[in-house]
């Protein structure tokens, strides 16, 4: 399976990143995969979300940073503008 076949989960959205991570987990597990970890990190003013999973024996890690609009909004209040699954 190719990442492109998982659907349009990495587009800018006003939905909470946690909601998209939850949806991505359900999708991965629905295709027989296993979610290994998910996370959020912030360093030097930059923020990102991560989802690591295993599908058909292959390990994957997807990391998405905040979109430009979210960076301009600043802080965790801008989290809903991040481009995530």
C-alpha atoms as a PDB file:
ATOM      1  CA  UNK A   1       0.000   0.000   0.000  1.00  0.00           C
ATOM      2  CA  UNK A   2       1.278   3.479  -0.852  1.00  0.00           C
ATOM      3  CA  UNK A   3       0.857   6.537   1.379  1.00  0.00           C
ATOM      4  CA  UNK A   4      -1.144   8.147  -1.421  1.00  0.00           C
ATOM      5  CA  UNK A   5      -3.723   5.372  -1.045  1.00  0.00           C
ATOM      6  CA  UNK A   6      -4.465   6.346   2.582  1.00  0.00           C
ATOM      7  CA  UNK A   7      -6.566   9.289   1.461  1.00  0.00           C
ATOM      8  CA  UNK A   8      -6.255  13.039   1.843  1.00  0.00           C
ATOM      9  CA  UNK A   9      -5.218  13.092   5.491  1.00  0.00           C
ATOM     10  CA  UNK A  10      -2.361  15.600   5.166  1.00  0.00           C
ATOM     11  CA  UNK A  11      -4.192  18.723   4.072  1.00  0.00           C
ATOM     12  CA  UNK A  12      -4.758  21.941   5.991  1.00  0.00           C
ATOM     13  CA  UNK A  13      -7.854  21.722   8.131  1.00  0.00           C
ATOM     14  CA  UNK A  14      -9.635  23.584  10.889  1.00  0.00           C
ATOM     15  CA  UNK A  15     -10.232  20.297  12.700  1.00  0.00           C
ATOM     16  CA  UNK A  16      -8.087  19.586  15.755  1.00  0.00           C
ATOM     17  CA  UNK A  17      -4.851  17.673  15.011  1.00  0.00           C
ATOM     18  CA  UNK A  18      -5.822  15.132  17.665  1.00  0.00           C
ATOM     19  CA  UNK A  19      -9.019  14.387  15.746  1.00  0.00           C
ATOM     20  CA  UNK A  20      -7.043  13.741  12.547  1.00  0.00           C
ATOM     21  CA  UNK A  21      -4.523  11.582  14.376  1.00  0.00           C
ATOM     22  CA  UNK A  22      -7.425   9.546  15.790  1.00  0.00           C
ATOM     23  CA  UNK A  23      -8.881   9.144  12.276  1.00  0.00           C
ATOM     24  CA  UNK A  24      -5.493   8.129  10.877  1.00  0.00           C
ATOM     25  CA  UNK A  25      -5.093   5.523  13.628  1.00  0.00           C
ATOM     26  CA  UNK A  26      -8.494   4.015  12.799  1.00  0.00           C
ATOM     27  CA  UNK A  27      -7.567   3.963   9.109  1.00  0.00           C
ATOM     28  CA  UNK A  28      -4.202   2.272   9.707  1.00  0.00           C
ATOM     29  CA  UNK A  29      -5.739  -0.318  12.023  1.00  0.00           C
ATOM     30  CA  UNK A  30      -8.602  -0.859   9.567  1.00  0.00           C
ATOM     31  CA  UNK A  31      -6.030  -1.885   6.954  1.00  0.00           C
ATOM     32  CA  UNK A  32      -4.456  -4.383   9.354  1.00  0.00           C
ATOM     33  CA  UNK A  33      -1.662  -2.071  10.501  1.00  0.00           C
ATOM     34  CA  UNK A  34      -0.421  -1.269  13.984  1.00  0.00           C
ATOM     35  CA  UNK A  35       0.061   2.223  15.386  1.00  0.00           C
ATOM     36  CA  UNK A  36       3.443   2.309  17.117  1.00  0.00           C
ATOM     37  CA  UNK A  37       3.357   5.845  18.525  1.00  0.00           C
ATOM     38  CA  UNK A  38       2.038   9.346  18.097  1.00  0.00           C
ATOM     39  CA  UNK A  39       3.397  12.571  19.431  1.00  0.00           C
ATOM     40  CA  UNK A  40       3.588  16.322  19.603  1.00  0.00           C
ATOM     41  CA  UNK A  41       6.745  18.378  19.951  1.00  0.00           C
ATOM     42  CA  UNK A  42       7.763  22.004  20.221  1.00  0.00           C
ATOM     43  CA  UNK A  43      11.262  23.421  19.905  1.00  0.00           C
ATOM     44  CA  UNK A  44      12.517  26.937  19.230  1.00  0.00           C
ATOM     45  CA  UNK A  45       9.035  28.163  18.318  1.00  0.00           C
ATOM     46  CA  UNK A  46       8.333  25.347  15.864  1.00  0.00           C
ATOM     47  CA  UNK A  47       5.626  22.732  16.475  1.00  0.00           C
ATOM     48  CA  UNK A  48       4.956  19.358  14.845  1.00  0.00           C
ATOM     49  CA  UNK A  49       2.839  16.226  15.154  1.00  0.00           C
ATOM     50  CA  UNK A  50       4.006  12.669  14.456  1.00  0.00           C
ATOM     51  CA  UNK A  51       2.377   9.318  13.768  1.00  0.00           C
ATOM     52  CA  UNK A  52       4.442   6.131  13.517  1.00  0.00           C
ATOM     53  CA  UNK A  53       2.851   2.893  12.360  1.00  0.00           C
ATOM     54  CA  UNK A  54       3.581  -0.474  10.781  1.00  0.00           C
ATOM     55  CA  UNK A  55       1.646  -1.693   7.756  1.00  0.00           C
ATOM     56  CA  UNK A  56       2.267  -4.938   5.877  1.00  0.00           C
ATOM     57  CA  UNK A  57       5.584  -5.385   7.696  1.00  0.00           C
ATOM     58  CA  UNK A  58       6.875  -1.927   6.735  1.00  0.00           C
ATOM     59  CA  UNK A  59       7.402   0.816   9.342  1.00  0.00           C
ATOM     60  CA  UNK A  60       6.303   4.385   8.572  1.00  0.00           C
ATOM     61  CA  UNK A  61       6.662   7.711  10.374  1.00  0.00           C
ATOM     62  CA  UNK A  62       4.775  10.813   9.301  1.00  0.00           C
ATOM     63  CA  UNK A  63       5.714  14.202  10.742  1.00  0.00           C
ATOM     64  CA  UNK A  64       3.697  17.342   9.996  1.00  0.00           C
ATOM     65  CA  UNK A  65       4.611  20.868  11.055  1.00  0.00           C
ATOM     66  CA  UNK A  66       2.298  23.788  11.581  1.00  0.00           C
ATOM     67  CA  UNK A  67       1.014  25.590   8.507  1.00  0.00           C
ATOM     68  CA  UNK A  68       1.923  29.244   7.853  1.00  0.00           C
ATOM     69  CA  UNK A  69      -1.397  30.598   9.163  1.00  0.00           C
ATOM     70  CA  UNK A  70      -0.945  28.706  12.409  1.00  0.00           C
ATOM     71  CA  UNK A  71       2.569  30.086  12.872  1.00  0.00           C
ATOM     72  CA  UNK A  72       1.254  33.624  12.465  1.00  0.00           C
ATOM     73  CA  UNK A  73      -1.436  32.944  15.072  1.00  0.00           C
ATOM     74  CA  UNK A  74       1.209  31.688  17.489  1.00  0.00           C
ATOM     75  CA  UNK A  75       1.093  29.174  20.310  1.00  0.00           C
ATOM     76  CA  UNK A  76      -1.244  26.323  20.958  1.00  0.00           C
ATOM     77  CA  UNK A  77      -4.275  28.444  20.042  1.00  0.00           C
ATOM     78  CA  UNK A  78      -3.207  27.964  16.431  1.00  0.00           C
ATOM     79  CA  UNK A  79      -3.118  24.194  16.645  1.00  0.00           C
ATOM     80  CA  UNK A  80      -6.347  23.831  14.664  1.00  0.00           C
ATOM     81  CA  UNK A  81      -4.591  25.213  11.556  1.00  0.00           C
ATOM     82  CA  UNK A  82      -1.908  22.542  11.405  1.00  0.00           C
ATOM     83  CA  UNK A  83      -1.676  20.287   8.364  1.00  0.00           C
ATOM     84  CA  UNK A  84      -2.141  16.803   9.838  1.00  0.00           C
ATOM     85  CA  UNK A  85      -3.978  13.586   9.209  1.00  0.00           C
END
